Amino acid sequence: MHEKTPLGERILKHWQTHHPQMVAQLRKDHQLEQTLHETGERIADLLYELTCVKKMDYQAAWETAMAEWAFPSSEDRPQRSSADSSPSKKNSPPATSG
């Protein structure tokens, strides 16, 4: 079991309010604690990257990081690959012929 952090508590409270089905499914699958821990770690790393490495203003960095956990993907799961951990939009729309 992972130690609960203030960030983890904040994430959980938000998910319980805005994504109760996701929380219920994570609990059912016995993945809630692990998912909260992984999400908190990823957000802490992102905040460090944005504020210390990229020298972004903390408030702007927080808002960017918050979007990572506050608005889960369309699959309603807050997991992303490590390749997608950058806040910049790397994905471009698919090319079309014509």
PDB file of N, CA and C in Angstrom:
ATOM      1  N   MET A   1       0.847  -1.187   0.000  1.00  0.00           N
ATOM      2  CA  MET A   1       0.000   0.000   0.000  1.00  0.00           C
ATOM      3  C   MET A   1       0.884   1.239   0.000  1.00  0.00           C
ATOM      4  N   HIS A   2       0.480   2.226  -0.763  1.00  0.00           N
ATOM      5  CA  HIS A   2       1.249   3.458  -0.886  1.00  0.00           C
ATOM      6  C   HIS A   2       0.760   4.498   0.118  1.00  0.00           C
ATOM      7  N   GLU A   3       1.683   5.329   0.572  1.00  0.00           N
ATOM      8  CA  GLU A   3       1.336   6.408   1.490  1.00  0.00           C
ATOM      9  C   GLU A   3       0.497   7.445   0.744  1.00  0.00           C
ATOM     10  N   LYS A   4      -0.554   7.918   1.392  1.00  0.00           N
ATOM     11  CA  LYS A   4      -1.394   8.942   0.765  1.00  0.00           C
ATOM     12  C   LYS A   4      -0.726  10.297   0.915  1.00  0.00           C
ATOM     13  N   THR A   5      -0.713  11.040  -0.174  1.00  0.00           N
ATOM     14  CA  THR A   5      -0.124  12.368  -0.189  1.00  0.00           C
ATOM     15  C   THR A   5      -1.238  13.397  -0.346  1.00  0.00           C
ATOM     16  N   PRO A   6      -0.962  14.659  -0.029  1.00  0.00           N
ATOM     17  CA  PRO A   6      -1.979  15.691  -0.264  1.00  0.00           C
ATOM     18  C   PRO A   6      -2.406  15.749  -1.738  1.00  0.00           C
ATOM     19  N   LEU A   7      -1.453  15.570  -2.645  1.00  0.00           N
ATOM     20  CA  LEU A   7      -1.798  15.571  -4.071  1.00  0.00           C
ATOM     21  C   LEU A   7      -2.692  14.376  -4.392  1.00  0.00           C
ATOM     22  N   GLY A   8      -2.350  13.210  -3.870  1.00  0.00           N
ATOM     23  CA  GLY A   8      -3.166  12.027  -4.091  1.00  0.00           C
ATOM     24  C   GLY A   8      -4.573  12.187  -3.550  1.00  0.00           C
ATOM     25  N   GLU A   9      -4.686  12.799  -2.377  1.00  0.00           N
ATOM     26  CA  GLU A   9      -6.006  13.061  -1.793  1.00  0.00           C
ATOM     27  C   GLU A   9      -6.816  14.017  -2.671  1.00  0.00           C
ATOM     28  N   ARG A  10      -6.140  15.023  -3.194  1.00  0.00           N
ATOM     29  CA  ARG A  10      -6.829  15.999  -4.051  1.00  0.00           C
ATOM     30  C   ARG A  10      -7.299  15.346  -5.351  1.00  0.00           C
ATOM     31  N   ILE A  11      -6.446  14.506  -5.921  1.00  0.00           N
ATOM     32  CA  ILE A  11      -6.816  13.786  -7.141  1.00  0.00           C
ATOM     33  C   ILE A  11      -8.018  12.889  -6.863  1.00  0.00           C
ATOM     34  N   LEU A  12      -7.959  12.119  -5.768  1.00  0.00           N
ATOM     35  CA  LEU A  12      -9.048  11.214  -5.432  1.00  0.00           C
ATOM     36  C   LEU A  12     -10.352  11.974  -5.217  1.00  0.00           C
ATOM     37  N   LYS A  13     -10.311  13.068  -4.495  1.00  0.00           N
ATOM     38  CA  LYS A  13     -11.529  13.853  -4.244  1.00  0.00           C
ATOM     39  C   LYS A  13     -12.135  14.337  -5.559  1.00  0.00           C
ATOM     40  N   HIS A  14     -11.280  14.810  -6.461  1.00  0.00           N
ATOM     41  CA  HIS A  14     -11.773  15.278  -7.757  1.00  0.00           C
ATOM     42  C   HIS A  14     -12.394  14.121  -8.543  1.00  0.00           C
ATOM     43  N   TRP A  15     -11.695  12.998  -8.584  1.00  0.00           N
ATOM     44  CA  TRP A  15     -12.219  11.845  -9.319  1.00  0.00           C
ATOM     45  C   TRP A  15     -13.527  11.354  -8.723  1.00  0.00           C
ATOM     46  N   GLN A  16     -13.641  11.336  -7.389  1.00  0.00           N
ATOM     47  CA  GLN A  16     -14.876  10.877  -6.755  1.00  0.00           C
ATOM     48  C   GLN A  16     -16.043  11.786  -7.113  1.00  0.00           C
ATOM     49  N   THR A  17     -15.757  13.076  -7.237  1.00  0.00           N
ATOM     50  CA  THR A  17     -16.808  14.036  -7.563  1.00  0.00           C
ATOM     51  C   THR A  17     -17.173  14.008  -9.039  1.00  0.00           C
ATOM     52  N   HIS A  18     -16.164  13.980  -9.897  1.00  0.00           N
ATOM     53  CA  HIS A  18     -16.393  14.153 -11.335  1.00  0.00           C
ATOM     54  C   HIS A  18     -16.302  12.873 -12.160  1.00  0.00           C
ATOM     55  N   HIS A  19     -15.724  11.820 -11.606  1.00  0.00           N
ATOM     56  CA  HIS A  19     -15.560  10.562 -12.335  1.00  0.00           C
ATOM     57  C   HIS A  19     -15.850   9.365 -11.429  1.00  0.00           C
ATOM     58  N   PRO A  20     -17.053   9.339 -10.820  1.00  0.00           N
ATOM     59  CA  PRO A  20     -17.339   8.267  -9.851  1.00  0.00           C
ATOM     60  C   PRO A  20     -17.324   6.867 -10.462  1.00  0.00           C
ATOM     61  N   GLN A  21     -17.716   6.734 -11.715  1.00  0.00           N
ATOM     62  CA  GLN A  21     -17.702   5.414 -12.345  1.00  0.00           C
ATOM     63  C   GLN A  21     -16.274   4.914 -12.514  1.00  0.00           C
ATOM     64  N   MET A  22     -15.358   5.808 -12.855  1.00  0.00           N
ATOM     65  CA  MET A  22     -13.963   5.432 -12.998  1.00  0.00           C
ATOM     66  C   MET A  22     -13.412   4.964 -11.653  1.00  0.00           C
ATOM     67  N   VAL A  23     -13.715   5.701 -10.592  1.00  0.00           N
ATOM     68  CA  VAL A  23     -13.251   5.336  -9.256  1.00  0.00           C
ATOM     69  C   VAL A  23     -13.821   3.967  -8.863  1.00  0.00           C
ATOM     70  N   ALA A  24     -15.102   3.767  -9.128  1.00  0.00           N
ATOM     71  CA  ALA A  24     -15.734   2.486  -8.796  1.00  0.00           C
ATOM     72  C   ALA A  24     -15.058   1.341  -9.552  1.00  0.00           C
ATOM     73  N   GLN A  25     -14.754   1.546 -10.819  1.00  0.00           N
ATOM     74  CA  GLN A  25     -14.111   0.507 -11.613  1.00  0.00           C
ATOM     75  C   GLN A  25     -12.690   0.234 -11.108  1.00  0.00           C
ATOM     76  N   LEU A  26     -11.949   1.288 -10.792  1.00  0.00           N
ATOM     77  CA  LEU A  26     -10.597   1.106 -10.264  1.00  0.00           C
ATOM     78  C   LEU A  26     -10.630   0.354  -8.935  1.00  0.00           C
ATOM     79  N   ARG A  27     -11.609   0.678  -8.091  1.00  0.00           N
ATOM     80  CA  ARG A  27     -11.754  -0.054  -6.823  1.00  0.00           C
ATOM     81  C   ARG A  27     -12.077  -1.520  -7.079  1.00  0.00           C
ATOM     82  N   LYS A  28     -13.014  -1.747  -7.987  1.00  0.00           N
ATOM     83  CA  LYS A  28     -13.421  -3.108  -8.315  1.00  0.00           C
ATOM     84  C   LYS A  28     -12.226  -3.925  -8.807  1.00  0.00           C
ATOM     85  N   ASP A  29     -11.378  -3.293  -9.602  1.00  0.00           N
ATOM     86  CA  ASP A  29     -10.203  -3.964 -10.159  1.00  0.00           C
ATOM     87  C   ASP A  29      -9.007  -3.954  -9.204  1.00  0.00           C
ATOM     88  N   HIS A  30      -9.214  -3.409  -8.008  1.00  0.00           N
ATOM     89  CA  HIS A  30      -8.136  -3.284  -7.013  1.00  0.00           C
ATOM     90  C   HIS A  30      -6.950  -2.499  -7.572  1.00  0.00           C
ATOM     91  N   GLN A  31      -7.242  -1.440  -8.317  1.00  0.00           N
ATOM     92  CA  GLN A  31      -6.207  -0.630  -8.945  1.00  0.00           C
ATOM     93  C   GLN A  31      -6.226   0.821  -8.488  1.00  0.00           C
ATOM     94  N   LEU A  32      -7.136   1.194  -7.599  1.00  0.00           N
ATOM     95  CA  LEU A  32      -7.271   2.600  -7.224  1.00  0.00           C
ATOM     96  C   LEU A  32      -6.007   3.137  -6.559  1.00  0.00           C
ATOM     97  N   GLU A  33      -5.502   2.453  -5.558  1.00  0.00           N
ATOM     98  CA  GLU A  33      -4.302   2.938  -4.850  1.00  0.00           C
ATOM     99  C   GLU A  33      -3.119   3.067  -5.797  1.00  0.00           C
ATOM    100  N   GLN A  34      -2.899   2.040  -6.611  1.00  0.00           N
ATOM    101  CA  GLN A  34      -1.768   2.054  -7.541  1.00  0.00           C
ATOM    102  C   GLN A  34      -1.930   3.177  -8.567  1.00  0.00           C
ATOM    103  N   THR A  35      -3.129   3.357  -9.094  1.00  0.00           N
ATOM    104  CA  THR A  35      -3.375   4.397 -10.088  1.00  0.00           C
ATOM    105  C   THR A  35      -3.173   5.781  -9.484  1.00  0.00           C
ATOM    106  N   LEU A  36      -3.659   5.988  -8.256  1.00  0.00           N
ATOM    107  CA  LEU A  36      -3.449   7.271  -7.584  1.00  0.00           C
ATOM    108  C   LEU A  36      -1.968   7.534  -7.361  1.00  0.00           C
ATOM    109  N   HIS A  37      -1.245   6.512  -6.926  1.00  0.00           N
ATOM    110  CA  HIS A  37       0.193   6.665  -6.702  1.00  0.00           C
ATOM    111  C   HIS A  37       0.914   7.021  -8.004  1.00  0.00           C
ATOM    112  N   GLU A  38       0.634   6.277  -9.069  1.00  0.00           N
ATOM    113  CA  GLU A  38       1.287   6.528 -10.357  1.00  0.00           C
ATOM    114  C   GLU A  38       0.938   7.912 -10.897  1.00  0.00           C
ATOM    115  N   THR A  39      -0.319   8.298 -10.759  1.00  0.00           N
ATOM    116  CA  THR A  39      -0.739   9.612 -11.240  1.00  0.00           C
ATOM    117  C   THR A  39      -0.058  10.715 -10.443  1.00  0.00           C
ATOM    118  N   GLY A  40      -0.006  10.580  -9.134  1.00  0.00           N
ATOM    119  CA  GLY A  40       0.665  11.572  -8.293  1.00  0.00           C
ATOM    120  C   GLY A  40       2.137  11.700  -8.636  1.00  0.00           C
ATOM    121  N   GLU A  41       2.809  10.572  -8.837  1.00  0.00           N
ATOM    122  CA  GLU A  41       4.229  10.592  -9.213  1.00  0.00           C
ATOM    123  C   GLU A  41       4.429  11.285 -10.557  1.00  0.00           C
ATOM    124  N   ARG A  42       3.575  10.956 -11.513  1.00  0.00           N
ATOM    125  CA  ARG A  42       3.688  11.557 -12.850  1.00  0.00           C
ATOM    126  C   ARG A  42       3.461  13.070 -12.799  1.00  0.00           C
ATOM    127  N   ILE A  43       2.496  13.500 -11.989  1.00  0.00           N
ATOM    128  CA  ILE A  43       2.199  14.922 -11.886  1.00  0.00           C
ATOM    129  C   ILE A  43       3.337  15.657 -11.170  1.00  0.00           C
ATOM    130  N   ALA A  44       3.887  15.052 -10.128  1.00  0.00           N
ATOM    131  CA  ALA A  44       5.021  15.666  -9.431  1.00  0.00           C
ATOM    132  C   ALA A  44       6.209  15.813 -10.373  1.00  0.00           C
ATOM    133  N   ASP A  45       6.479  14.787 -11.162  1.00  0.00           N
ATOM    134  CA  ASP A  45       7.569  14.859 -12.137  1.00  0.00           C
ATOM    135  C   ASP A  45       7.311  15.940 -13.176  1.00  0.00           C
ATOM    136  N   LEU A  46       6.066  16.034 -13.629  1.00  0.00           N
ATOM    137  CA  LEU A  46       5.713  17.044 -14.617  1.00  0.00           C
ATOM    138  C   LEU A  46       5.878  18.447 -14.039  1.00  0.00           C
ATOM    139  N   LEU A  47       5.431  18.652 -12.798  1.00  0.00           N
ATOM    140  CA  LEU A  47       5.594  19.961 -12.157  1.00  0.00           C
ATOM    141  C   LEU A  47       7.073  20.331 -12.042  1.00  0.00           C
ATOM    142  N   TYR A  48       7.899  19.373 -11.684  1.00  0.00           N
ATOM    143  CA  TYR A  48       9.333  19.628 -11.602  1.00  0.00           C
ATOM    144  C   TYR A  48       9.880  20.027 -12.975  1.00  0.00           C
ATOM    145  N   GLU A  49       9.524  19.262 -13.990  1.00  0.00           N
ATOM    146  CA  GLU A  49       9.998  19.540 -15.349  1.00  0.00           C
ATOM    147  C   GLU A  49       9.581  20.944 -15.797  1.00  0.00           C
ATOM    148  N   LEU A  50       8.326  21.279 -15.575  1.00  0.00           N
ATOM    149  CA  LEU A  50       7.824  22.572 -16.036  1.00  0.00           C
ATOM    150  C   LEU A  50       8.414  23.748 -15.270  1.00  0.00           C
ATOM    151  N   THR A  51       8.526  23.609 -13.945  1.00  0.00           N
ATOM    152  CA  THR A  51       8.978  24.749 -13.141  1.00  0.00           C
ATOM    153  C   THR A  51      10.488  24.866 -13.051  1.00  0.00           C
ATOM    154  N   CYS A  52      11.173  23.757 -12.890  1.00  0.00           N
ATOM    155  CA  CYS A  52      12.627  23.807 -12.674  1.00  0.00           C
ATOM    156  C   CYS A  52      13.429  23.735 -13.961  1.00  0.00           C
ATOM    157  N   VAL A  53      12.995  22.907 -14.884  1.00  0.00           N
ATOM    158  CA  VAL A  53      13.747  22.740 -16.118  1.00  0.00           C
ATOM    159  C   VAL A  53      13.327  23.777 -17.158  1.00  0.00           C
ATOM    160  N   LYS A  54      12.027  23.903 -17.358  1.00  0.00           N
ATOM    161  CA  LYS A  54      11.527  24.827 -18.386  1.00  0.00           C
ATOM    162  C   LYS A  54      11.255  26.228 -17.844  1.00  0.00           C
ATOM    163  N   LYS A  55      11.433  26.418 -16.534  1.00  0.00           N
ATOM    164  CA  LYS A  55      11.288  27.723 -15.882  1.00  0.00           C
ATOM    165  C   LYS A  55       9.907  28.350 -16.087  1.00  0.00           C
ATOM    166  N   MET A  56       8.895  27.516 -16.113  1.00  0.00           N
ATOM    167  CA  MET A  56       7.522  28.007 -16.256  1.00  0.00           C
ATOM    168  C   MET A  56       7.050  28.548 -14.915  1.00  0.00           C
ATOM    169  N   ASP A  57       6.216  29.565 -14.940  1.00  0.00           N
ATOM    170  CA  ASP A  57       5.585  30.098 -13.735  1.00  0.00           C
ATOM    171  C   ASP A  57       4.822  28.970 -13.042  1.00  0.00           C
ATOM    172  N   TYR A  58       4.894  28.905 -11.702  1.00  0.00           N
ATOM    173  CA  TYR A  58       4.292  27.783 -10.975  1.00  0.00           C
ATOM    174  C   TYR A  58       2.794  27.668 -11.237  1.00  0.00           C
ATOM    175  N   GLN A  59       2.072  28.779 -11.236  1.00  0.00           N
ATOM    176  CA  GLN A  59       0.624  28.715 -11.442  1.00  0.00           C
ATOM    177  C   GLN A  59       0.290  28.132 -12.810  1.00  0.00           C
ATOM    178  N   ALA A  60       1.014  28.553 -13.832  1.00  0.00           N
ATOM    179  CA  ALA A  60       0.786  28.020 -15.178  1.00  0.00           C
ATOM    180  C   ALA A  60       1.142  26.533 -15.221  1.00  0.00           C
ATOM    181  N   ALA A  61       2.230  26.167 -14.546  1.00  0.00           N
ATOM    182  CA  ALA A  61       2.638  24.763 -14.507  1.00  0.00           C
ATOM    183  C   ALA A  61       1.586  23.926 -13.785  1.00  0.00           C
ATOM    184  N   TRP A  62       1.060  24.436 -12.678  1.00  0.00           N
ATOM    185  CA  TRP A  62       0.032  23.720 -11.928  1.00  0.00           C
ATOM    186  C   TRP A  62      -1.203  23.497 -12.781  1.00  0.00           C
ATOM    187  N   GLU A  63      -1.628  24.535 -13.512  1.00  0.00           N
ATOM    188  CA  GLU A  63      -2.806  24.403 -14.367  1.00  0.00           C
ATOM    189  C   GLU A  63      -2.578  23.363 -15.455  1.00  0.00           C
ATOM    190  N   THR A  64      -1.378  23.342 -16.023  1.00  0.00           N
ATOM    191  CA  THR A  64      -1.050  22.346 -17.038  1.00  0.00           C
ATOM    192  C   THR A  64      -1.069  20.948 -16.431  1.00  0.00           C
ATOM    193  N   ALA A  65      -0.442  20.800 -15.282  1.00  0.00           N
ATOM    194  CA  ALA A  65      -0.371  19.494 -14.616  1.00  0.00           C
ATOM    195  C   ALA A  65      -1.756  19.037 -14.170  1.00  0.00           C
ATOM    196  N   MET A  66      -2.568  19.957 -13.682  1.00  0.00           N
ATOM    197  CA  MET A  66      -3.903  19.610 -13.220  1.00  0.00           C
ATOM    198  C   MET A  66      -4.735  19.019 -14.352  1.00  0.00           C
ATOM    199  N   ALA A  67      -4.560  19.537 -15.550  1.00  0.00           N
ATOM    200  CA  ALA A  67      -5.308  19.008 -16.685  1.00  0.00           C
ATOM    201  C   ALA A  67      -4.967  17.540 -16.942  1.00  0.00           C
ATOM    202  N   GLU A  68      -3.781  17.120 -16.526  1.00  0.00           N
ATOM    203  CA  GLU A  68      -3.362  15.731 -16.715  1.00  0.00           C
ATOM    204  C   GLU A  68      -4.214  14.767 -15.888  1.00  0.00           C
ATOM    205  N   TRP A  69      -4.601  15.160 -14.682  1.00  0.00           N
ATOM    206  CA  TRP A  69      -5.360  14.250 -13.834  1.00  0.00           C
ATOM    207  C   TRP A  69      -6.821  14.628 -13.679  1.00  0.00           C
ATOM    208  N   ALA A  70      -7.163  15.875 -13.892  1.00  0.00           N
ATOM    209  CA  ALA A  70      -8.543  16.312 -13.675  1.00  0.00           C
ATOM    210  C   ALA A  70      -9.463  15.875 -14.801  1.00  0.00           C
ATOM    211  N   PHE A  71      -8.899  15.731 -15.987  1.00  0.00           N
ATOM    212  CA  PHE A  71      -9.705  15.397 -17.159  1.00  0.00           C
ATOM    213  C   PHE A  71      -9.171  14.116 -17.783  1.00  0.00           C
ATOM    214  N   PRO A  72      -9.543  12.950 -17.229  1.00  0.00           N
ATOM    215  CA  PRO A  72      -9.046  11.683 -17.765  1.00  0.00           C
ATOM    216  C   PRO A  72      -9.396  11.508 -19.231  1.00  0.00           C
ATOM    217  N   SER A  73      -8.671  10.638 -19.874  1.00  0.00           N
ATOM    218  CA  SER A  73      -8.865  10.378 -21.295  1.00  0.00           C
ATOM    219  C   SER A  73     -10.253   9.829 -21.579  1.00  0.00           C
ATOM    220  N   SER A  74     -10.584   9.709 -22.844  1.00  0.00           N
ATOM    221  CA  SER A  74     -11.905   9.238 -23.233  1.00  0.00           C
ATOM    222  C   SER A  74     -12.171   7.817 -22.757  1.00  0.00           C
ATOM    223  N   GLU A  75     -11.110   7.041 -22.487  1.00  0.00           N
ATOM    224  CA  GLU A  75     -11.289   5.704 -21.951  1.00  0.00           C
ATOM    225  C   GLU A  75     -11.664   5.767 -20.476  1.00  0.00           C
ATOM    226  N   ASP A  76     -11.686   6.989 -19.898  1.00  0.00           N
ATOM    227  CA  ASP A  76     -12.012   7.205 -18.496  1.00  0.00           C
ATOM    228  C   ASP A  76     -10.987   6.553 -17.586  1.00  0.00           C
ATOM    229  N   ARG A  77      -9.740   6.433 -18.049  1.00  0.00           N
ATOM    230  CA  ARG A  77      -8.635   5.922 -17.248  1.00  0.00           C
ATOM    231  C   ARG A  77      -7.525   6.961 -17.279  1.00  0.00           C
ATOM    232  N   PRO A  78      -6.964   7.321 -16.127  1.00  0.00           N
ATOM    233  CA  PRO A  78      -5.943   8.361 -16.078  1.00  0.00           C
ATOM    234  C   PRO A  78      -4.542   7.849 -16.361  1.00  0.00           C
ATOM    235  N   GLN A  79      -4.389   6.926 -17.295  1.00  0.00           N
ATOM    236  CA  GLN A  79      -3.069   6.396 -17.592  1.00  0.00           C
ATOM    237  C   GLN A  79      -2.655   6.828 -18.983  1.00  0.00           C
ATOM    238  N   ARG A  80      -1.373   7.233 -19.091  1.00  0.00           N
ATOM    239  CA  ARG A  80      -0.804   7.635 -20.373  1.00  0.00           C
ATOM    240  C   ARG A  80       0.555   6.988 -20.474  1.00  0.00           C
ATOM    241  N   SER A  81       0.987   6.800 -21.697  1.00  0.00           N
ATOM    242  CA  SER A  81       2.322   6.223 -21.852  1.00  0.00           C
ATOM    243  C   SER A  81       3.361   7.263 -21.490  1.00  0.00           C
ATOM    244  N   SER A  82       4.550   6.816 -21.128  1.00  0.00           N
ATOM    245  CA  SER A  82       5.606   7.755 -20.747  1.00  0.00           C
ATOM    246  C   SER A  82       6.000   8.641 -21.919  1.00  0.00           C
ATOM    247  N   ALA A  83       5.776   8.175 -23.130  1.00  0.00           N
ATOM    248  CA  ALA A  83       6.103   8.987 -24.301  1.00  0.00           C
ATOM    249  C   ALA A  83       5.181  10.194 -24.410  1.00  0.00           C
ATOM    250  N   ASP A  84       3.991  10.102 -23.815  1.00  0.00           N
ATOM    251  CA  ASP A  84       3.027  11.200 -23.884  1.00  0.00           C
ATOM    252  C   ASP A  84       3.062  12.091 -22.661  1.00  0.00           C
ATOM    253  N   SER A  85       4.075  11.994 -21.813  1.00  0.00           N
ATOM    254  CA  SER A  85       4.076  12.733 -20.561  1.00  0.00           C
ATOM    255  C   SER A  85       4.402  14.201 -20.725  1.00  0.00           C
ATOM    256  N   SER A  86       4.848  14.617 -21.885  1.00  0.00           N
ATOM    257  CA  SER A  86       5.147  16.022 -22.114  1.00  0.00           C
ATOM    258  C   SER A  86       3.852  16.789 -22.284  1.00  0.00           C
ATOM    259  N   PRO A  87       3.762  17.999 -21.722  1.00  0.00           N
ATOM    260  CA  PRO A  87       2.523  18.760 -21.838  1.00  0.00           C
ATOM    261  C   PRO A  87       2.296  19.328 -23.232  1.00  0.00           C
ATOM    262  N   SER A  88       3.318  19.364 -24.064  1.00  0.00           N
ATOM    263  CA  SER A  88       3.134  19.905 -25.401  1.00  0.00           C
ATOM    264  C   SER A  88       2.379  18.916 -26.263  1.00  0.00           C
ATOM    265  N   LYS A  89       1.659  19.428 -27.208  1.00  0.00           N
ATOM    266  CA  LYS A  89       0.888  18.572 -28.085  1.00  0.00           C
ATOM    267  C   LYS A  89       1.785  18.087 -29.208  1.00  0.00           C
ATOM    268  N   LYS A  90       2.229  16.844 -29.111  1.00  0.00           N
ATOM    269  CA  LYS A  90       3.112  16.280 -30.119  1.00  0.00           C
ATOM    270  C   LYS A  90       2.326  15.634 -31.240  1.00  0.00           C
ATOM    271  N   ASN A  91       1.129  15.160 -30.916  1.00  0.00           N
ATOM    272  CA  ASN A  91       0.361  14.411 -31.896  1.00  0.00           C
ATOM    273  C   ASN A  91      -0.290  15.353 -32.893  1.00  0.00           C
ATOM    274  N   SER A  92      -0.017  15.107 -34.157  1.00  0.00           N
ATOM    275  CA  SER A  92      -0.661  15.897 -35.189  1.00  0.00           C
ATOM    276  C   SER A  92      -1.748  15.044 -35.805  1.00  0.00           C
ATOM    277  N   PRO A  93      -2.736  15.677 -36.451  1.00  0.00           N
ATOM    278  CA  PRO A  93      -3.806  14.886 -37.045  1.00  0.00           C
ATOM    279  C   PRO A  93      -3.255  13.983 -38.149  1.00  0.00           C
ATOM    280  N   PRO A  94      -3.929  12.875 -38.420  1.00  0.00           N
ATOM    281  CA  PRO A  94      -3.441  11.988 -39.456  1.00  0.00           C
ATOM    282  C   PRO A  94      -3.447  12.670 -40.817  1.00  0.00           C
ATOM    283  N   ALA A  95      -2.474  12.322 -41.611  1.00  0.00           N
ATOM    284  CA  ALA A  95      -2.381  12.912 -42.939  1.00  0.00           C
ATOM    285  C   ALA A  95      -3.492  12.330 -43.816  1.00  0.00           C
ATOM    286  N   THR A  96      -4.022  13.151 -44.695  1.00  0.00           N
ATOM    287  CA  THR A  96      -5.051  12.697 -45.612  1.00  0.00           C
ATOM    288  C   THR A  96      -4.579  12.964 -47.024  1.00  0.00           C
ATOM    289  N   SER A  97      -4.960  12.108 -47.896  1.00  0.00           N
ATOM    290  CA  SER A  97      -4.600  12.337 -49.300  1.00  0.00           C
ATOM    291  C   SER A  97      -5.721  13.078 -49.976  1.00  0.00           C
ATOM    292  N   GLY A  98      -5.362  13.890 -50.930  1.00  0.00           N
ATOM    293  CA  GLY A  98      -6.461  14.547 -51.621  1.00  0.00           C
ATOM    294  C   GLY A  98      -6.161  15.863 -52.090  1.00  0.00           C
TER     295      GLY A  98
END
